[in-house]
Amino acid sequence: MINIGTTGEIILLGDFNGHTGTKVNNQVVGSYGETRINDNGERLTDLCESYNLRITNGYFKHEMIHKYTWEQHTRKLKSIIDYIIVLKK
């Protein structure tokens, strides 16, 4: 177990290849993300719950052109797999 203090800032940025879904009135996942959830997304959400972290991508409404962080134009696929994670405070 890692001890994370409360006096500093923690910012995680990265390609976590997870789909975290959307949740209303949730402290970790917001209501403006994409609706899909997968194993990596569940693990990422569990990790954030354990360490008092928030996945910020879903907390702010974005225009569709800015919402997704991955696209495959030939198959018309879009997804959010890159996340910005911070302490809940």
PDB file of N, CA and C in Angstrom:
ATOM      1  N   MET A   1       0.841  -1.169   0.000  1.00  0.00           N
ATOM      2  CA  MET A   1       0.000   0.000   0.000  1.00  0.00           C
ATOM      3  C   MET A   1       0.887   1.234   0.000  1.00  0.00           C
ATOM      4  N   ILE A   2       0.541   2.192  -0.823  1.00  0.00           N
ATOM      5  CA  ILE A   2       1.273   3.434  -0.928  1.00  0.00           C
ATOM      6  C   ILE A   2       0.603   4.466  -0.028  1.00  0.00           C
ATOM      7  N   ASN A   3       1.417   5.214   0.712  1.00  0.00           N
ATOM      8  CA  ASN A   3       0.886   6.264   1.569  1.00  0.00           C
ATOM      9  C   ASN A   3       0.923   7.581   0.802  1.00  0.00           C
ATOM     10  N   ILE A   4      -0.248   8.127   0.525  1.00  0.00           N
ATOM     11  CA  ILE A   4      -0.356   9.398  -0.183  1.00  0.00           C
ATOM     12  C   ILE A   4      -0.766  10.449   0.831  1.00  0.00           C
ATOM     13  N   GLY A   5       0.067  11.452   1.026  1.00  0.00           N
ATOM     14  CA  GLY A   5      -0.236  12.522   1.956  1.00  0.00           C
ATOM     15  C   GLY A   5      -1.333  13.434   1.431  1.00  0.00           C
ATOM     16  N   THR A   6      -1.761  14.368   2.261  1.00  0.00           N
ATOM     17  CA  THR A   6      -2.835  15.269   1.857  1.00  0.00           C
ATOM     18  C   THR A   6      -2.345  16.690   1.600  1.00  0.00           C
ATOM     19  N   THR A   7      -1.048  16.949   1.741  1.00  0.00           N
ATOM     20  CA  THR A   7      -0.551  18.313   1.582  1.00  0.00           C
ATOM     21  C   THR A   7      -0.112  18.630   0.165  1.00  0.00           C
ATOM     22  N   GLY A   8       0.211  17.654  -0.626  1.00  0.00           N
ATOM     23  CA  GLY A   8       0.688  17.892  -1.982  1.00  0.00           C
ATOM     24  C   GLY A   8      -0.381  17.617  -3.018  1.00  0.00           C
ATOM     25  N   GLU A   9      -0.054  17.908  -4.252  1.00  0.00           N
ATOM     26  CA  GLU A   9      -0.944  17.627  -5.366  1.00  0.00           C
ATOM     27  C   GLU A   9      -0.501  16.346  -6.060  1.00  0.00           C
ATOM     28  N   ILE A  10      -1.455  15.608  -6.561  1.00  0.00           N
ATOM     29  CA  ILE A  10      -1.167  14.431  -7.380  1.00  0.00           C
ATOM     30  C   ILE A  10      -1.921  14.611  -8.680  1.00  0.00           C
ATOM     31  N   ILE A  11      -1.205  14.510  -9.785  1.00  0.00           N
ATOM     32  CA  ILE A  11      -1.828  14.597 -11.099  1.00  0.00           C
ATOM     33  C   ILE A  11      -1.295  13.427 -11.920  1.00  0.00           C
ATOM     34  N   LEU A  12      -2.182  12.563 -12.363  1.00  0.00           N
ATOM     35  CA  LEU A  12      -1.822  11.442 -13.228  1.00  0.00           C
ATOM     36  C   LEU A  12      -2.402  11.717 -14.605  1.00  0.00           C
ATOM     37  N   LEU A  13      -1.573  11.623 -15.616  1.00  0.00           N
ATOM     38  CA  LEU A  13      -2.002  11.790 -16.994  1.00  0.00           C
ATOM     39  C   LEU A  13      -1.559  10.563 -17.756  1.00  0.00           C
ATOM     40  N   GLY A  14      -2.434  10.008 -18.557  1.00  0.00           N
ATOM     41  CA  GLY A  14      -1.956   8.876 -19.319  1.00  0.00           C
ATOM     42  C   GLY A  14      -3.003   8.148 -20.115  1.00  0.00           C
ATOM     43  N   ASP A  15      -2.497   7.252 -20.926  1.00  0.00           N
ATOM     44  CA  ASP A  15      -3.303   6.369 -21.747  1.00  0.00           C
ATOM     45  C   ASP A  15      -3.529   5.102 -20.924  1.00  0.00           C
ATOM     46  N   PHE A  16      -4.670   5.015 -20.254  1.00  0.00           N
ATOM     47  CA  PHE A  16      -4.962   3.898 -19.368  1.00  0.00           C
ATOM     48  C   PHE A  16      -5.761   2.793 -20.053  1.00  0.00           C
ATOM     49  N   ASN A  17      -6.113   2.976 -21.326  1.00  0.00           N
ATOM     50  CA  ASN A  17      -6.849   1.980 -22.104  1.00  0.00           C
ATOM     51  C   ASN A  17      -8.065   1.436 -21.361  1.00  0.00           C
ATOM     52  N   GLY A  18      -8.717   2.294 -20.635  1.00  0.00           N
ATOM     53  CA  GLY A  18      -9.899   1.882 -19.890  1.00  0.00           C
ATOM     54  C   GLY A  18     -11.097   2.714 -20.273  1.00  0.00           C
ATOM     55  N   HIS A  19     -12.259   2.125 -20.123  1.00  0.00           N
ATOM     56  CA  HIS A  19     -13.517   2.827 -20.331  1.00  0.00           C
ATOM     57  C   HIS A  19     -14.213   2.848 -18.977  1.00  0.00           C
ATOM     58  N   THR A  20     -14.370   4.027 -18.406  1.00  0.00           N
ATOM     59  CA  THR A  20     -14.861   4.144 -17.027  1.00  0.00           C
ATOM     60  C   THR A  20     -16.356   4.386 -16.915  1.00  0.00           C
ATOM     61  N   GLY A  21     -17.029   4.609 -18.014  1.00  0.00           N
ATOM     62  CA  GLY A  21     -18.467   4.827 -17.983  1.00  0.00           C
ATOM     63  C   GLY A  21     -18.835   6.182 -17.415  1.00  0.00           C
ATOM     64  N   THR A  22     -20.112   6.349 -17.101  1.00  0.00           N
ATOM     65  CA  THR A  22     -20.603   7.582 -16.498  1.00  0.00           C
ATOM     66  C   THR A  22     -21.413   7.242 -15.254  1.00  0.00           C
ATOM     67  N   LYS A  23     -21.355   8.115 -14.274  1.00  0.00           N
ATOM     68  CA  LYS A  23     -22.126   7.932 -13.048  1.00  0.00           C
ATOM     69  C   LYS A  23     -22.561   9.305 -12.550  1.00  0.00           C
ATOM     70  N   VAL A  24     -23.799   9.409 -12.121  1.00  0.00           N
ATOM     71  CA  VAL A  24     -24.322  10.662 -11.585  1.00  0.00           C
ATOM     72  C   VAL A  24     -24.044  10.694 -10.088  1.00  0.00           C
ATOM     73  N   ASN A  25     -23.622  11.844  -9.580  1.00  0.00           N
ATOM     74  CA  ASN A  25     -23.332  12.034  -8.150  1.00  0.00           C
ATOM     75  C   ASN A  25     -22.306  11.039  -7.625  1.00  0.00           C
ATOM     76  N   ASN A  26     -21.257  10.809  -8.403  1.00  0.00           N
ATOM     77  CA  ASN A  26     -20.190   9.904  -8.005  1.00  0.00           C
ATOM     78  C   ASN A  26     -18.937  10.713  -7.738  1.00  0.00           C
ATOM     79  N   GLN A  27     -18.145  10.326  -6.752  1.00  0.00           N
ATOM     80  CA  GLN A  27     -16.941  11.068  -6.379  1.00  0.00           C
ATOM     81  C   GLN A  27     -15.736  10.748  -7.256  1.00  0.00           C
ATOM     82  N   VAL A  28     -15.792   9.678  -8.054  1.00  0.00           N
ATOM     83  CA  VAL A  28     -14.647   9.282  -8.879  1.00  0.00           C
ATOM     84  C   VAL A  28     -14.906   9.531 -10.361  1.00  0.00           C
ATOM     85  N   VAL A  29     -16.059   9.121 -10.859  1.00  0.00           N
ATOM     86  CA  VAL A  29     -16.388   9.209 -12.280  1.00  0.00           C
ATOM     87  C   VAL A  29     -17.552  10.180 -12.460  1.00  0.00           C
ATOM     88  N   GLY A  30     -17.440  11.097 -13.390  1.00  0.00           N
ATOM     89  CA  GLY A  30     -18.494  12.078 -13.628  1.00  0.00           C
ATOM     90  C   GLY A  30     -19.558  11.587 -14.594  1.00  0.00           C
ATOM     91  N   SER A  31     -20.472  12.459 -14.913  1.00  0.00           N
ATOM     92  CA  SER A  31     -21.614  12.071 -15.750  1.00  0.00           C
ATOM     93  C   SER A  31     -21.453  12.462 -17.218  1.00  0.00           C
ATOM     94  N   TYR A  32     -20.285  12.998 -17.624  1.00  0.00           N
ATOM     95  CA  TYR A  32     -20.098  13.442 -18.999  1.00  0.00           C
ATOM     96  C   TYR A  32     -19.110  12.600 -19.795  1.00  0.00           C
ATOM     97  N   GLY A  33     -18.742  11.432 -19.315  1.00  0.00           N
ATOM     98  CA  GLY A  33     -17.827  10.562 -20.060  1.00  0.00           C
ATOM     99  C   GLY A  33     -18.580   9.740 -21.078  1.00  0.00           C
ATOM    100  N   GLU A  34     -17.959   8.690 -21.549  1.00  0.00           N
ATOM    101  CA  GLU A  34     -18.669   7.780 -22.452  1.00  0.00           C
ATOM    102  C   GLU A  34     -19.333   6.690 -21.631  1.00  0.00           C
ATOM    103  N   THR A  35     -20.314   6.032 -22.175  1.00  0.00           N
ATOM    104  CA  THR A  35     -21.120   5.091 -21.404  1.00  0.00           C
ATOM    105  C   THR A  35     -20.485   3.714 -21.236  1.00  0.00           C
ATOM    106  N   ARG A  36     -19.527   3.368 -22.063  1.00  0.00           N
ATOM    107  CA  ARG A  36     -18.931   2.027 -21.995  1.00  0.00           C
ATOM    108  C   ARG A  36     -18.061   1.857 -20.758  1.00  0.00           C
ATOM    109  N   ILE A  37     -18.025   0.633 -20.252  1.00  0.00           N
ATOM    110  CA  ILE A  37     -17.148   0.251 -19.141  1.00  0.00           C
ATOM    111  C   ILE A  37     -16.456  -1.049 -19.537  1.00  0.00           C
ATOM    112  N   ASN A  38     -15.141  -1.162 -19.229  1.00  0.00           N
ATOM    113  CA  ASN A  38     -14.438  -2.430 -19.440  1.00  0.00           C
ATOM    114  C   ASN A  38     -13.605  -2.758 -18.200  1.00  0.00           C
ATOM    115  N   ASP A  39     -12.900  -3.873 -18.231  1.00  0.00           N
ATOM    116  CA  ASP A  39     -12.109  -4.324 -17.077  1.00  0.00           C
ATOM    117  C   ASP A  39     -11.075  -3.288 -16.657  1.00  0.00           C
ATOM    118  N   ASN A  40     -10.350  -2.717 -17.627  1.00  0.00           N
ATOM    119  CA  ASN A  40      -9.350  -1.702 -17.288  1.00  0.00           C
ATOM    120  C   ASN A  40     -10.001  -0.490 -16.645  1.00  0.00           C
ATOM    121  N   GLY A  41     -11.162  -0.103 -17.122  1.00  0.00           N
ATOM    122  CA  GLY A  41     -11.874   1.023 -16.542  1.00  0.00           C
ATOM    123  C   GLY A  41     -12.334   0.743 -15.120  1.00  0.00           C
ATOM    124  N   GLU A  42     -12.795  -0.481 -14.868  1.00  0.00           N
ATOM    125  CA  GLU A  42     -13.199  -0.864 -13.508  1.00  0.00           C
ATOM    126  C   GLU A  42     -12.006  -0.863 -12.567  1.00  0.00           C
ATOM    127  N   ARG A  43     -10.866  -1.380 -13.040  1.00  0.00           N
ATOM    128  CA  ARG A  43      -9.653  -1.383 -12.209  1.00  0.00           C
ATOM    129  C   ARG A  43      -9.177   0.041 -11.925  1.00  0.00           C
ATOM    130  N   LEU A  44      -9.238   0.902 -12.934  1.00  0.00           N
ATOM    131  CA  LEU A  44      -8.839   2.299 -12.753  1.00  0.00           C
ATOM    132  C   LEU A  44      -9.769   2.996 -11.757  1.00  0.00           C
ATOM    133  N   THR A  45     -11.053   2.765 -11.861  1.00  0.00           N
ATOM    134  CA  THR A  45     -12.020   3.347 -10.924  1.00  0.00           C
ATOM    135  C   THR A  45     -11.775   2.836  -9.508  1.00  0.00           C
ATOM    136  N   ASP A  46     -11.525   1.545  -9.352  1.00  0.00           N
ATOM    137  CA  ASP A  46     -11.229   0.977  -8.028  1.00  0.00           C
ATOM    138  C   ASP A  46      -9.957   1.583  -7.437  1.00  0.00           C
ATOM    139  N   LEU A  47      -8.922   1.749  -8.254  1.00  0.00           N
ATOM    140  CA  LEU A  47      -7.677   2.359  -7.798  1.00  0.00           C
ATOM    141  C   LEU A  47      -7.932   3.785  -7.314  1.00  0.00           C
ATOM    142  N   CYS A  48      -8.701   4.537  -8.074  1.00  0.00           N
ATOM    143  CA  CYS A  48      -9.002   5.924  -7.701  1.00  0.00           C
ATOM    144  C   CYS A  48      -9.819   5.988  -6.414  1.00  0.00           C
ATOM    145  N   GLU A  49     -10.765   5.072  -6.239  1.00  0.00           N
ATOM    146  CA  GLU A  49     -11.533   5.024  -4.994  1.00  0.00           C
ATOM    147  C   GLU A  49     -10.625   4.725  -3.813  1.00  0.00           C
ATOM    148  N   SER A  50      -9.678   3.830  -3.988  1.00  0.00           N
ATOM    149  CA  SER A  50      -8.773   3.437  -2.912  1.00  0.00           C
ATOM    150  C   SER A  50      -7.860   4.574  -2.466  1.00  0.00           C
ATOM    151  N   TYR A  51      -7.467   5.441  -3.402  1.00  0.00           N
ATOM    152  CA  TYR A  51      -6.502   6.493  -3.094  1.00  0.00           C
ATOM    153  C   TYR A  51      -7.114   7.897  -3.099  1.00  0.00           C
ATOM    154  N   ASN A  52      -8.435   7.972  -3.036  1.00  0.00           N
ATOM    155  CA  ASN A  52      -9.128   9.262  -2.936  1.00  0.00           C
ATOM    156  C   ASN A  52      -8.824  10.160  -4.152  1.00  0.00           C
ATOM    157  N   LEU A  53      -8.876   9.552  -5.352  1.00  0.00           N
ATOM    158  CA  LEU A  53      -8.586  10.263  -6.595  1.00  0.00           C
ATOM    159  C   LEU A  53      -9.857  10.435  -7.422  1.00  0.00           C
ATOM    160  N   ARG A  54      -9.836  11.387  -8.327  1.00  0.00           N
ATOM    161  CA  ARG A  54     -10.982  11.674  -9.190  1.00  0.00           C
ATOM    162  C   ARG A  54     -10.536  11.660 -10.649  1.00  0.00           C
ATOM    163  N   ILE A  55     -11.311  11.000 -11.501  1.00  0.00           N
ATOM    164  CA  ILE A  55     -11.072  10.986 -12.945  1.00  0.00           C
ATOM    165  C   ILE A  55     -11.824  12.187 -13.514  1.00  0.00           C
ATOM    166  N   THR A  56     -11.091  13.222 -13.908  1.00  0.00           N
ATOM    167  CA  THR A  56     -11.725  14.500 -14.233  1.00  0.00           C
ATOM    168  C   THR A  56     -12.375  14.563 -15.615  1.00  0.00           C
ATOM    169  N   ASN A  57     -12.037  13.664 -16.514  1.00  0.00           N
ATOM    170  CA  ASN A  57     -12.570  13.735 -17.877  1.00  0.00           C
ATOM    171  C   ASN A  57     -14.093  13.803 -17.914  1.00  0.00           C
ATOM    172  N   GLY A  58     -14.752  13.107 -17.036  1.00  0.00           N
ATOM    173  CA  GLY A  58     -16.203  13.030 -17.076  1.00  0.00           C
ATOM    174  C   GLY A  58     -16.922  14.075 -16.258  1.00  0.00           C
ATOM    175  N   TYR A  59     -16.207  15.018 -15.679  1.00  0.00           N
ATOM    176  CA  TYR A  59     -16.843  16.023 -14.830  1.00  0.00           C
ATOM    177  C   TYR A  59     -17.190  17.309 -15.563  1.00  0.00           C
ATOM    178  N   PHE A  60     -16.756  17.437 -16.800  1.00  0.00           N
ATOM    179  CA  PHE A  60     -17.002  18.654 -17.552  1.00  0.00           C
ATOM    180  C   PHE A  60     -17.591  18.301 -18.904  1.00  0.00           C
ATOM    181  N   LYS A  61     -18.623  19.015 -19.284  1.00  0.00           N
ATOM    182  CA  LYS A  61     -19.254  18.776 -20.574  1.00  0.00           C
ATOM    183  C   LYS A  61     -18.351  19.329 -21.678  1.00  0.00           C
ATOM    184  N   HIS A  62     -18.099  18.512 -22.687  1.00  0.00           N
ATOM    185  CA  HIS A  62     -17.249  18.894 -23.803  1.00  0.00           C
ATOM    186  C   HIS A  62     -18.049  18.853 -25.098  1.00  0.00           C
ATOM    187  N   GLU A  63     -17.631  19.644 -26.058  1.00  0.00           N
ATOM    188  CA  GLU A  63     -18.177  19.482 -27.398  1.00  0.00           C
ATOM    189  C   GLU A  63     -17.700  18.131 -27.910  1.00  0.00           C
ATOM    190  N   MET A  64     -18.485  17.503 -28.765  1.00  0.00           N
ATOM    191  CA  MET A  64     -18.156  16.155 -29.242  1.00  0.00           C
ATOM    192  C   MET A  64     -16.766  16.091 -29.884  1.00  0.00           C
ATOM    193  N   ILE A  65     -16.344  17.133 -30.548  1.00  0.00           N
ATOM    194  CA  ILE A  65     -15.035  17.140 -31.196  1.00  0.00           C
ATOM    195  C   ILE A  65     -13.891  17.083 -30.173  1.00  0.00           C
ATOM    196  N   HIS A  66     -14.134  17.511 -28.932  1.00  0.00           N
ATOM    197  CA  HIS A  66     -13.105  17.538 -27.888  1.00  0.00           C
ATOM    198  C   HIS A  66     -13.269  16.430 -26.848  1.00  0.00           C
ATOM    199  N   LYS A  67     -14.348  15.695 -26.912  1.00  0.00           N
ATOM    200  CA  LYS A  67     -14.663  14.711 -25.876  1.00  0.00           C
ATOM    201  C   LYS A  67     -13.761  13.469 -25.950  1.00  0.00           C
ATOM    202  N   TYR A  68     -13.513  12.961 -27.122  1.00  0.00           N
ATOM    203  CA  TYR A  68     -12.822  11.680 -27.282  1.00  0.00           C
ATOM    204  C   TYR A  68     -11.319  11.874 -27.451  1.00  0.00           C
ATOM    205  N   THR A  69     -10.539  10.926 -26.902  1.00  0.00           N
ATOM    206  CA  THR A  69      -9.082  11.016 -26.979  1.00  0.00           C
ATOM    207  C   THR A  69      -8.482   9.996 -27.946  1.00  0.00           C
ATOM    208  N   TRP A  70      -9.317   9.158 -28.551  1.00  0.00           N
ATOM    209  CA  TRP A  70      -8.857   8.170 -29.525  1.00  0.00           C
ATOM    210  C   TRP A  70      -9.918   8.035 -30.605  1.00  0.00           C
ATOM    211  N   GLU A  71      -9.490   7.996 -31.867  1.00  0.00           N
ATOM    212  CA  GLU A  71     -10.415   7.814 -32.983  1.00  0.00           C
ATOM    213  C   GLU A  71      -9.801   6.910 -34.030  1.00  0.00           C
ATOM    214  N   GLN A  72     -10.633   6.081 -34.612  1.00  0.00           N
ATOM    215  CA  GLN A  72     -10.238   5.305 -35.782  1.00  0.00           C
ATOM    216  C   GLN A  72     -11.218   5.703 -36.887  1.00  0.00           C
ATOM    217  N   HIS A  73     -10.765   6.570 -37.767  1.00  0.00           N
ATOM    218  CA  HIS A  73     -11.638   7.162 -38.773  1.00  0.00           C
ATOM    219  C   HIS A  73     -12.189   6.135 -39.756  1.00  0.00           C
ATOM    220  N   THR A  74     -11.398   5.128 -40.127  1.00  0.00           N
ATOM    221  CA  THR A  74     -11.840   4.168 -41.136  1.00  0.00           C
ATOM    222  C   THR A  74     -13.023   3.332 -40.659  1.00  0.00           C
ATOM    223  N   ARG A  75     -13.114   3.089 -39.360  1.00  0.00           N
ATOM    224  CA  ARG A  75     -14.230   2.302 -38.816  1.00  0.00           C
ATOM    225  C   ARG A  75     -15.210   3.153 -38.019  1.00  0.00           C
ATOM    226  N   LYS A  76     -14.972   4.472 -38.014  1.00  0.00           N
ATOM    227  CA  LYS A  76     -15.831   5.425 -37.314  1.00  0.00           C
ATOM    228  C   LYS A  76     -15.992   5.079 -35.832  1.00  0.00           C
ATOM    229  N   LEU A  77     -14.862   4.765 -35.191  1.00  0.00           N
ATOM    230  CA  LEU A  77     -14.848   4.458 -33.766  1.00  0.00           C
ATOM    231  C   LEU A  77     -14.239   5.620 -33.003  1.00  0.00           C
ATOM    232  N   LYS A  78     -14.791   5.906 -31.828  1.00  0.00           N
ATOM    233  CA  LYS A  78     -14.264   6.949 -30.942  1.00  0.00           C
ATOM    234  C   LYS A  78     -14.308   6.426 -29.520  1.00  0.00           C
ATOM    235  N   SER A  79     -13.359   6.903 -28.701  1.00  0.00           N
ATOM    236  CA  SER A  79     -13.313   6.435 -27.327  1.00  0.00           C
ATOM    237  C   SER A  79     -12.516   7.400 -26.452  1.00  0.00           C
ATOM    238  N   ILE A  80     -12.753   7.316 -25.163  1.00  0.00           N
ATOM    239  CA  ILE A  80     -11.947   8.043 -24.182  1.00  0.00           C
ATOM    240  C   ILE A  80     -11.053   7.013 -23.499  1.00  0.00           C
ATOM    241  N   ILE A  81      -9.749   7.073 -23.748  1.00  0.00           N
ATOM    242  CA  ILE A  81      -8.818   6.147 -23.097  1.00  0.00           C
ATOM    243  C   ILE A  81      -7.696   6.886 -22.378  1.00  0.00           C
ATOM    244  N   ASP A  82      -7.565   8.179 -22.654  1.00  0.00           N
ATOM    245  CA  ASP A  82      -6.559   9.011 -21.983  1.00  0.00           C
ATOM    246  C   ASP A  82      -7.267   9.793 -20.884  1.00  0.00           C
ATOM    247  N   TYR A  83      -6.705   9.757 -19.693  1.00  0.00           N
ATOM    248  CA  TYR A  83      -7.392  10.363 -18.553  1.00  0.00           C
ATOM    249  C   TYR A  83      -6.493  11.326 -17.799  1.00  0.00           C
ATOM    250  N   ILE A  84      -7.131  12.278 -17.137  1.00  0.00           N
ATOM    251  CA  ILE A  84      -6.485  13.181 -16.198  1.00  0.00           C
ATOM    252  C   ILE A  84      -7.081  12.870 -14.830  1.00  0.00           C
ATOM    253  N   ILE A  85      -6.218  12.473 -13.888  1.00  0.00           N
ATOM    254  CA  ILE A  85      -6.667  12.037 -12.570  1.00  0.00           C
ATOM    255  C   ILE A  85      -5.985  12.908 -11.510  1.00  0.00           C
ATOM    256  N   VAL A  86      -6.761  13.413 -10.558  1.00  0.00           N
ATOM    257  CA  VAL A  86      -6.244  14.293  -9.509  1.00  0.00           C
ATOM    258  C   VAL A  86      -6.821  13.874  -8.163  1.00  0.00           C
ATOM    259  N   LEU A  87      -6.250  14.421  -7.081  1.00  0.00           N
ATOM    260  CA  LEU A  87      -6.832  14.212  -5.749  1.00  0.00           C
ATOM    261  C   LEU A  87      -8.216  14.811  -5.698  1.00  0.00           C
ATOM    262  N   LYS A  88      -9.122  14.216  -4.932  1.00  0.00           N
ATOM    263  CA  LYS A  88     -10.503  14.692  -4.859  1.00  0.00           C
ATOM    264  C   LYS A  88     -10.640  16.075  -4.265  1.00  0.00           C
ATOM    265  N   LYS A  89      -9.727  16.494  -3.437  1.00  0.00           N
ATOM    266  CA  LYS A  89      -9.885  17.798  -2.773  1.00  0.00           C
ATOM    267  C   LYS A  89      -9.994  18.886  -3.780  1.00  0.00           C
TER     268      LYS A  89
END
